[in-house]
Amino acid sequence: MSDDKLLEVYDEYMALTDKLLGNKATALEVAPIMIRLGLEIYKTVMSEEDYNRMVDYIADNRDQIQNLKEYLPEIH
């Protein structure tokens, strides 16, 4: 996937997230669904070894995750 395509998908997903947070749901309702769906997609398309390595990498780098309040001020 090209960088332009990835950015397009990211922007579209952020727009949906912003819409959900602004109108229908709280951050604590949206985030678990996003995480679960993402992990389910990864588990479907990756080998078990690669999936486990990725999940371990995410856990090991949890301090690198950004705070989205700058982009989505409605998150509390």
PDB file of N, CA and C in Angstrom:
ATOM      1  N   MET A   1       0.852  -1.170   0.000  1.00  0.00           N
ATOM      2  CA  MET A   1       0.000   0.000   0.000  1.00  0.00           C
ATOM      3  C   MET A   1       0.896   1.231   0.000  1.00  0.00           C
ATOM      4  N   SER A   2       0.587   2.171  -0.860  1.00  0.00           N
ATOM      5  CA  SER A   2       1.388   3.387  -0.944  1.00  0.00           C
ATOM      6  C   SER A   2       1.118   4.284   0.261  1.00  0.00           C
ATOM      7  N   ASP A   3       2.041   5.199   0.515  1.00  0.00           N
ATOM      8  CA  ASP A   3       1.861   6.149   1.607  1.00  0.00           C
ATOM      9  C   ASP A   3       0.606   6.999   1.403  1.00  0.00           C
ATOM     10  N   ASP A   4       0.353   7.391   0.153  1.00  0.00           N
ATOM     11  CA  ASP A   4      -0.839   8.202  -0.136  1.00  0.00           C
ATOM     12  C   ASP A   4      -2.118   7.426   0.175  1.00  0.00           C
ATOM     13  N   LYS A   5      -2.151   6.170  -0.210  1.00  0.00           N
ATOM     14  CA  LYS A   5      -3.325   5.331   0.041  1.00  0.00           C
ATOM     15  C   LYS A   5      -3.510   5.112   1.539  1.00  0.00           C
ATOM     16  N   LEU A   6      -2.408   4.857   2.237  1.00  0.00           N
ATOM     17  CA  LEU A   6      -2.468   4.655   3.673  1.00  0.00           C
ATOM     18  C   LEU A   6      -2.976   5.924   4.372  1.00  0.00           C
ATOM     19  N   LEU A   7      -2.506   7.072   3.956  1.00  0.00           N
ATOM     20  CA  LEU A   7      -2.967   8.332   4.524  1.00  0.00           C
ATOM     21  C   LEU A   7      -4.448   8.559   4.241  1.00  0.00           C
ATOM     22  N   GLU A   8      -4.898   8.190   3.048  1.00  0.00           N
ATOM     23  CA  GLU A   8      -6.310   8.313   2.687  1.00  0.00           C
ATOM     24  C   GLU A   8      -7.183   7.436   3.589  1.00  0.00           C
ATOM     25  N   VAL A   9      -6.757   6.201   3.809  1.00  0.00           N
ATOM     26  CA  VAL A   9      -7.500   5.287   4.678  1.00  0.00           C
ATOM     27  C   VAL A   9      -7.496   5.826   6.113  1.00  0.00           C
ATOM     28  N   TYR A  10      -6.344   6.301   6.561  1.00  0.00           N
ATOM     29  CA  TYR A  10      -6.227   6.861   7.911  1.00  0.00           C
ATOM     30  C   TYR A  10      -7.186   8.036   8.091  1.00  0.00           C
ATOM     31  N   ASP A  11      -7.180   8.952   7.142  1.00  0.00           N
ATOM     32  CA  ASP A  11      -8.056  10.126   7.229  1.00  0.00           C
ATOM     33  C   ASP A  11      -9.529   9.735   7.260  1.00  0.00           C
ATOM     34  N   GLU A  12      -9.898   8.764   6.447  1.00  0.00           N
ATOM     35  CA  GLU A  12     -11.288   8.309   6.416  1.00  0.00           C
ATOM     36  C   GLU A  12     -11.675   7.650   7.741  1.00  0.00           C
ATOM     37  N   TYR A  13     -10.777   6.853   8.283  1.00  0.00           N
ATOM     38  CA  TYR A  13     -11.043   6.185   9.550  1.00  0.00           C
ATOM     39  C   TYR A  13     -11.142   7.200  10.693  1.00  0.00           C
ATOM     40  N   MET A  14     -10.257   8.202  10.669  1.00  0.00           N
ATOM     41  CA  MET A  14     -10.305   9.255  11.688  1.00  0.00           C
ATOM     42  C   MET A  14     -11.605  10.045  11.580  1.00  0.00           C
ATOM     43  N   ALA A  15     -12.086  10.285  10.371  1.00  0.00           N
ATOM     44  CA  ALA A  15     -13.353  10.998  10.185  1.00  0.00           C
ATOM     45  C   ALA A  15     -14.503  10.187  10.787  1.00  0.00           C
ATOM     46  N   LEU A  16     -14.505   8.879  10.576  1.00  0.00           N
ATOM     47  CA  LEU A  16     -15.539   8.018  11.163  1.00  0.00           C
ATOM     48  C   LEU A  16     -15.435   8.038  12.686  1.00  0.00           C
ATOM     49  N   THR A  17     -14.227   7.937  13.195  1.00  0.00           N
ATOM     50  CA  THR A  17     -14.013   7.969  14.639  1.00  0.00           C
ATOM     51  C   THR A  17     -14.507   9.281  15.223  1.00  0.00           C
ATOM     52  N   ASP A  18     -14.163  10.380  14.582  1.00  0.00           N
ATOM     53  CA  ASP A  18     -14.596  11.697  15.032  1.00  0.00           C
ATOM     54  C   ASP A  18     -16.121  11.793  15.033  1.00  0.00           C
ATOM     55  N   LYS A  19     -16.748  11.262  13.998  1.00  0.00           N
ATOM     56  CA  LYS A  19     -18.210  11.273  13.898  1.00  0.00           C
ATOM     57  C   LYS A  19     -18.837  10.468  15.035  1.00  0.00           C
ATOM     58  N   LEU A  20     -18.318   9.283  15.288  1.00  0.00           N
ATOM     59  CA  LEU A  20     -18.850   8.448  16.367  1.00  0.00           C
ATOM     60  C   LEU A  20     -18.692   9.126  17.722  1.00  0.00           C
ATOM     61  N   LEU A  21     -17.524   9.700  17.946  1.00  0.00           N
ATOM     62  CA  LEU A  21     -17.270  10.350  19.226  1.00  0.00           C
ATOM     63  C   LEU A  21     -18.098  11.620  19.395  1.00  0.00           C
ATOM     64  N   GLY A  22     -18.382  12.285  18.300  1.00  0.00           N
ATOM     65  CA  GLY A  22     -19.141  13.522  18.378  1.00  0.00           C
ATOM     66  C   GLY A  22     -20.628  13.325  18.509  1.00  0.00           C
ATOM     67  N   ASN A  23     -21.131  12.187  18.056  1.00  0.00           N
ATOM     68  CA  ASN A  23     -22.575  12.023  17.977  1.00  0.00           C
ATOM     69  C   ASN A  23     -23.156  10.841  18.731  1.00  0.00           C
ATOM     70  N   LYS A  24     -22.457   9.741  18.760  1.00  0.00           N
ATOM     71  CA  LYS A  24     -23.123   8.509  19.159  1.00  0.00           C
ATOM     72  C   LYS A  24     -22.505   7.774  20.335  1.00  0.00           C
ATOM     73  N   ALA A  25     -21.238   7.992  20.613  1.00  0.00           N
ATOM     74  CA  ALA A  25     -20.575   7.126  21.579  1.00  0.00           C
ATOM     75  C   ALA A  25     -19.470   7.873  22.314  1.00  0.00           C
ATOM     76  N   THR A  26     -19.080   7.305  23.430  1.00  0.00           N
ATOM     77  CA  THR A  26     -17.952   7.850  24.185  1.00  0.00           C
ATOM     78  C   THR A  26     -16.671   7.159  23.728  1.00  0.00           C
ATOM     79  N   ALA A  27     -15.558   7.736  24.109  1.00  0.00           N
ATOM     80  CA  ALA A  27     -14.257   7.146  23.765  1.00  0.00           C
ATOM     81  C   ALA A  27     -14.130   5.735  24.327  1.00  0.00           C
ATOM     82  N   LEU A  28     -14.665   5.526  25.515  1.00  0.00           N
ATOM     83  CA  LEU A  28     -14.572   4.204  26.137  1.00  0.00           C
ATOM     84  C   LEU A  28     -15.516   3.192  25.506  1.00  0.00           C
ATOM     85  N   GLU A  29     -16.410   3.634  24.657  1.00  0.00           N
ATOM     86  CA  GLU A  29     -17.252   2.718  23.884  1.00  0.00           C
ATOM     87  C   GLU A  29     -16.640   2.437  22.514  1.00  0.00           C
ATOM     88  N   VAL A  30     -15.986   3.430  21.932  1.00  0.00           N
ATOM     89  CA  VAL A  30     -15.418   3.291  20.596  1.00  0.00           C
ATOM     90  C   VAL A  30     -14.083   2.543  20.617  1.00  0.00           C
ATOM     91  N   ALA A  31     -13.207   2.891  21.532  1.00  0.00           N
ATOM     92  CA  ALA A  31     -11.846   2.336  21.537  1.00  0.00           C
ATOM     93  C   ALA A  31     -11.790   0.810  21.621  1.00  0.00           C
ATOM     94  N   PRO A  32     -12.553   0.163  22.508  1.00  0.00           N
ATOM     95  CA  PRO A  32     -12.451  -1.300  22.560  1.00  0.00           C
ATOM     96  C   PRO A  32     -12.882  -1.980  21.266  1.00  0.00           C
ATOM     97  N   ILE A  33     -13.850  -1.377  20.588  1.00  0.00           N
ATOM     98  CA  ILE A  33     -14.299  -1.949  19.319  1.00  0.00           C
ATOM     99  C   ILE A  33     -13.196  -1.812  18.272  1.00  0.00           C
ATOM    100  N   MET A  34     -12.563  -0.648  18.244  1.00  0.00           N
ATOM    101  CA  MET A  34     -11.471  -0.428  17.293  1.00  0.00           C
ATOM    102  C   MET A  34     -10.332  -1.418  17.528  1.00  0.00           C
ATOM    103  N   ILE A  35      -9.955  -1.582  18.781  1.00  0.00           N
ATOM    104  CA  ILE A  35      -8.858  -2.506  19.115  1.00  0.00           C
ATOM    105  C   ILE A  35      -9.223  -3.935  18.733  1.00  0.00           C
ATOM    106  N   ARG A  36     -10.407  -4.360  19.123  1.00  0.00           N
ATOM    107  CA  ARG A  36     -10.816  -5.737  18.836  1.00  0.00           C
ATOM    108  C   ARG A  36     -10.843  -6.016  17.331  1.00  0.00           C
ATOM    109  N   LEU A  37     -11.454  -5.099  16.566  1.00  0.00           N
ATOM    110  CA  LEU A  37     -11.525  -5.316  15.119  1.00  0.00           C
ATOM    111  C   LEU A  37     -10.137  -5.337  14.488  1.00  0.00           C
ATOM    112  N   GLY A  38      -9.277  -4.435  14.918  1.00  0.00           N
ATOM    113  CA  GLY A  38      -7.912  -4.423  14.391  1.00  0.00           C
ATOM    114  C   GLY A  38      -7.179  -5.721  14.675  1.00  0.00           C
ATOM    115  N   LEU A  39      -7.271  -6.185  15.913  1.00  0.00           N
ATOM    116  CA  LEU A  39      -6.607  -7.442  16.262  1.00  0.00           C
ATOM    117  C   LEU A  39      -7.206  -8.629  15.519  1.00  0.00           C
ATOM    118  N   GLU A  40      -8.527  -8.617  15.329  1.00  0.00           N
ATOM    119  CA  GLU A  40      -9.155  -9.704  14.570  1.00  0.00           C
ATOM    120  C   GLU A  40      -8.679  -9.713  13.115  1.00  0.00           C
ATOM    121  N   ILE A  41      -8.540  -8.543  12.529  1.00  0.00           N
ATOM    122  CA  ILE A  41      -8.038  -8.473  11.147  1.00  0.00           C
ATOM    123  C   ILE A  41      -6.608  -8.999  11.092  1.00  0.00           C
ATOM    124  N   TYR A  42      -5.753  -8.528  12.005  1.00  0.00           N
ATOM    125  CA  TYR A  42      -4.371  -9.011  12.029  1.00  0.00           C
ATOM    126  C   TYR A  42      -4.314 -10.526  12.216  1.00  0.00           C
ATOM    127  N   LYS A  43      -5.096 -11.043  13.148  1.00  0.00           N
ATOM    128  CA  LYS A  43      -5.070 -12.484  13.424  1.00  0.00           C
ATOM    129  C   LYS A  43      -5.517 -13.294  12.211  1.00  0.00           C
ATOM    130  N   THR A  44      -6.405 -12.712  11.409  1.00  0.00           N
ATOM    131  CA  THR A  44      -6.901 -13.384  10.214  1.00  0.00           C
ATOM    132  C   THR A  44      -5.847 -13.448   9.119  1.00  0.00           C
ATOM    133  N   VAL A  45      -5.075 -12.389   8.957  1.00  0.00           N
ATOM    134  CA  VAL A  45      -4.169 -12.309   7.805  1.00  0.00           C
ATOM    135  C   VAL A  45      -2.712 -12.618   8.133  1.00  0.00           C
ATOM    136  N   MET A  46      -2.367 -12.764   9.405  1.00  0.00           N
ATOM    137  CA  MET A  46      -0.972 -13.021   9.793  1.00  0.00           C
ATOM    138  C   MET A  46      -0.821 -14.455  10.292  1.00  0.00           C
ATOM    139  N   SER A  47       0.407 -14.927  10.221  1.00  0.00           N
ATOM    140  CA  SER A  47       0.698 -16.223  10.849  1.00  0.00           C
ATOM    141  C   SER A  47       0.597 -16.041  12.369  1.00  0.00           C
ATOM    142  N   GLU A  48       0.419 -17.134  13.080  1.00  0.00           N
ATOM    143  CA  GLU A  48       0.315 -17.055  14.537  1.00  0.00           C
ATOM    144  C   GLU A  48       1.584 -16.456  15.134  1.00  0.00           C
ATOM    145  N   GLU A  49       2.736 -16.852  14.594  1.00  0.00           N
ATOM    146  CA  GLU A  49       4.016 -16.340  15.085  1.00  0.00           C
ATOM    147  C   GLU A  49       4.132 -14.831  14.864  1.00  0.00           C
ATOM    148  N   ASP A  50       3.783 -14.361  13.668  1.00  0.00           N
ATOM    149  CA  ASP A  50       3.855 -12.927  13.380  1.00  0.00           C
ATOM    150  C   ASP A  50       2.844 -12.141  14.208  1.00  0.00           C
ATOM    151  N   TYR A  51       1.651 -12.687  14.368  1.00  0.00           N
ATOM    152  CA  TYR A  51       0.625 -12.026  15.177  1.00  0.00           C
ATOM    153  C   TYR A  51       1.109 -11.871  16.621  1.00  0.00           C
ATOM    154  N   ASN A  52       1.625 -12.945  17.204  1.00  0.00           N
ATOM    155  CA  ASN A  52       2.110 -12.887  18.584  1.00  0.00           C
ATOM    156  C   ASN A  52       3.273 -11.919  18.726  1.00  0.00           C
ATOM    157  N   ARG A  53       4.154 -11.890  17.742  1.00  0.00           N
ATOM    158  CA  ARG A  53       5.282 -10.957  17.761  1.00  0.00           C
ATOM    159  C   ARG A  53       4.770  -9.507  17.727  1.00  0.00           C
ATOM    160  N   MET A  54       3.767  -9.257  16.890  1.00  0.00           N
ATOM    161  CA  MET A  54       3.218  -7.907  16.776  1.00  0.00           C
ATOM    162  C   MET A  54       2.550  -7.476  18.089  1.00  0.00           C
ATOM    163  N   VAL A  55       1.748  -8.355  18.685  1.00  0.00           N
ATOM    164  CA  VAL A  55       1.080  -8.022  19.940  1.00  0.00           C
ATOM    165  C   VAL A  55       2.114  -7.757  21.037  1.00  0.00           C
ATOM    166  N   ASP A  56       3.164  -8.559  21.084  1.00  0.00           N
ATOM    167  CA  ASP A  56       4.238  -8.320  22.054  1.00  0.00           C
ATOM    168  C   ASP A  56       4.912  -6.977  21.796  1.00  0.00           C
ATOM    169  N   TYR A  57       5.140  -6.639  20.534  1.00  0.00           N
ATOM    170  CA  TYR A  57       5.754  -5.361  20.174  1.00  0.00           C
ATOM    171  C   TYR A  57       4.873  -4.200  20.641  1.00  0.00           C
ATOM    172  N   ILE A  58       3.576  -4.318  20.427  1.00  0.00           N
ATOM    173  CA  ILE A  58       2.651  -3.263  20.866  1.00  0.00           C
ATOM    174  C   ILE A  58       2.741  -3.099  22.379  1.00  0.00           C
ATOM    175  N   ALA A  59       2.710  -4.198  23.110  1.00  0.00           N
ATOM    176  CA  ALA A  59       2.782  -4.130  24.571  1.00  0.00           C
ATOM    177  C   ALA A  59       4.109  -3.522  25.025  1.00  0.00           C
ATOM    178  N   ASP A  60       5.192  -3.914  24.380  1.00  0.00           N
ATOM    179  CA  ASP A  60       6.519  -3.412  24.758  1.00  0.00           C
ATOM    180  C   ASP A  60       6.693  -1.924  24.453  1.00  0.00           C
ATOM    181  N   ASN A  61       5.922  -1.405  23.520  1.00  0.00           N
ATOM    182  CA  ASN A  61       6.059  -0.006  23.095  1.00  0.00           C
ATOM    183  C   ASN A  61       4.851   0.852  23.472  1.00  0.00           C
ATOM    184  N   ARG A  62       4.123   0.436  24.480  1.00  0.00           N
ATOM    185  CA  ARG A  62       2.890   1.145  24.856  1.00  0.00           C
ATOM    186  C   ARG A  62       3.132   2.592  25.254  1.00  0.00           C
ATOM    187  N   ASP A  63       4.328   2.924  25.707  1.00  0.00           N
ATOM    188  CA  ASP A  63       4.631   4.309  26.079  1.00  0.00           C
ATOM    189  C   ASP A  63       4.784   5.216  24.866  1.00  0.00           C
ATOM    190  N   GLN A  64       4.851   4.660  23.676  1.00  0.00           N
ATOM    191  CA  GLN A  64       5.005   5.442  22.454  1.00  0.00           C
ATOM    192  C   GLN A  64       3.669   5.855  21.828  1.00  0.00           C
ATOM    193  N   ILE A  65       2.570   5.386  22.391  1.00  0.00           N
ATOM    194  CA  ILE A  65       1.251   5.681  21.840  1.00  0.00           C
ATOM    195  C   ILE A  65       0.912   7.143  22.092  1.00  0.00           C
ATOM    196  N   GLN A  66       0.417   7.823  21.050  1.00  0.00           N
ATOM    197  CA  GLN A  66       0.084   9.243  21.149  1.00  0.00           C
ATOM    198  C   GLN A  66      -1.264   9.465  21.821  1.00  0.00           C
ATOM    199  N   ASN A  67      -1.411  10.631  22.398  1.00  0.00           N
ATOM    200  CA  ASN A  67      -2.676  11.086  22.958  1.00  0.00           C
ATOM    201  C   ASN A  67      -3.411  11.840  21.853  1.00  0.00           C
ATOM    202  N   LEU A  68      -4.651  11.464  21.551  1.00  0.00           N
ATOM    203  CA  LEU A  68      -5.394  12.061  20.447  1.00  0.00           C
ATOM    204  C   LEU A  68      -6.166  13.328  20.809  1.00  0.00           C
ATOM    205  N   LYS A  69      -6.076  13.791  22.049  1.00  0.00           N
ATOM    206  CA  LYS A  69      -6.825  14.984  22.435  1.00  0.00           C
ATOM    207  C   LYS A  69      -6.493  16.187  21.552  1.00  0.00           C
ATOM    208  N   GLU A  70      -5.272  16.218  21.055  1.00  0.00           N
ATOM    209  CA  GLU A  70      -4.857  17.297  20.163  1.00  0.00           C
ATOM    210  C   GLU A  70      -5.673  17.285  18.860  1.00  0.00           C
ATOM    211  N   TYR A  71      -6.006  16.088  18.397  1.00  0.00           N
ATOM    212  CA  TYR A  71      -6.721  15.934  17.128  1.00  0.00           C
ATOM    213  C   TYR A  71      -8.228  15.807  17.313  1.00  0.00           C
ATOM    214  N   LEU A  72      -8.620  15.205  18.419  1.00  0.00           N
ATOM    215  CA  LEU A  72     -10.036  14.970  18.711  1.00  0.00           C
ATOM    216  C   LEU A  72     -10.348  15.514  20.098  1.00  0.00           C
ATOM    217  N   PRO A  73     -10.531  16.827  20.208  1.00  0.00           N
ATOM    218  CA  PRO A  73     -10.689  17.434  21.536  1.00  0.00           C
ATOM    219  C   PRO A  73     -11.920  16.940  22.306  1.00  0.00           C
ATOM    220  N   GLU A  74     -12.870  16.315  21.616  1.00  0.00           N
ATOM    221  CA  GLU A  74     -14.060  15.844  22.318  1.00  0.00           C
ATOM    222  C   GLU A  74     -13.804  14.582  23.142  1.00  0.00           C
ATOM    223  N   ILE A  75     -12.619  13.987  23.001  1.00  0.00           N
ATOM    224  CA  ILE A  75     -12.281  12.820  23.810  1.00  0.00           C
ATOM    225  C   ILE A  75     -12.000  13.296  25.240  1.00  0.00           C
ATOM    226  N   HIS A  76     -12.601  12.628  26.192  1.00  0.00           N
ATOM    227  CA  HIS A  76     -12.417  13.009  27.599  1.00  0.00           C
ATOM    228  C   HIS A  76     -11.570  11.997  28.295  1.00  0.00           C
TER     229      HIS A  76
END
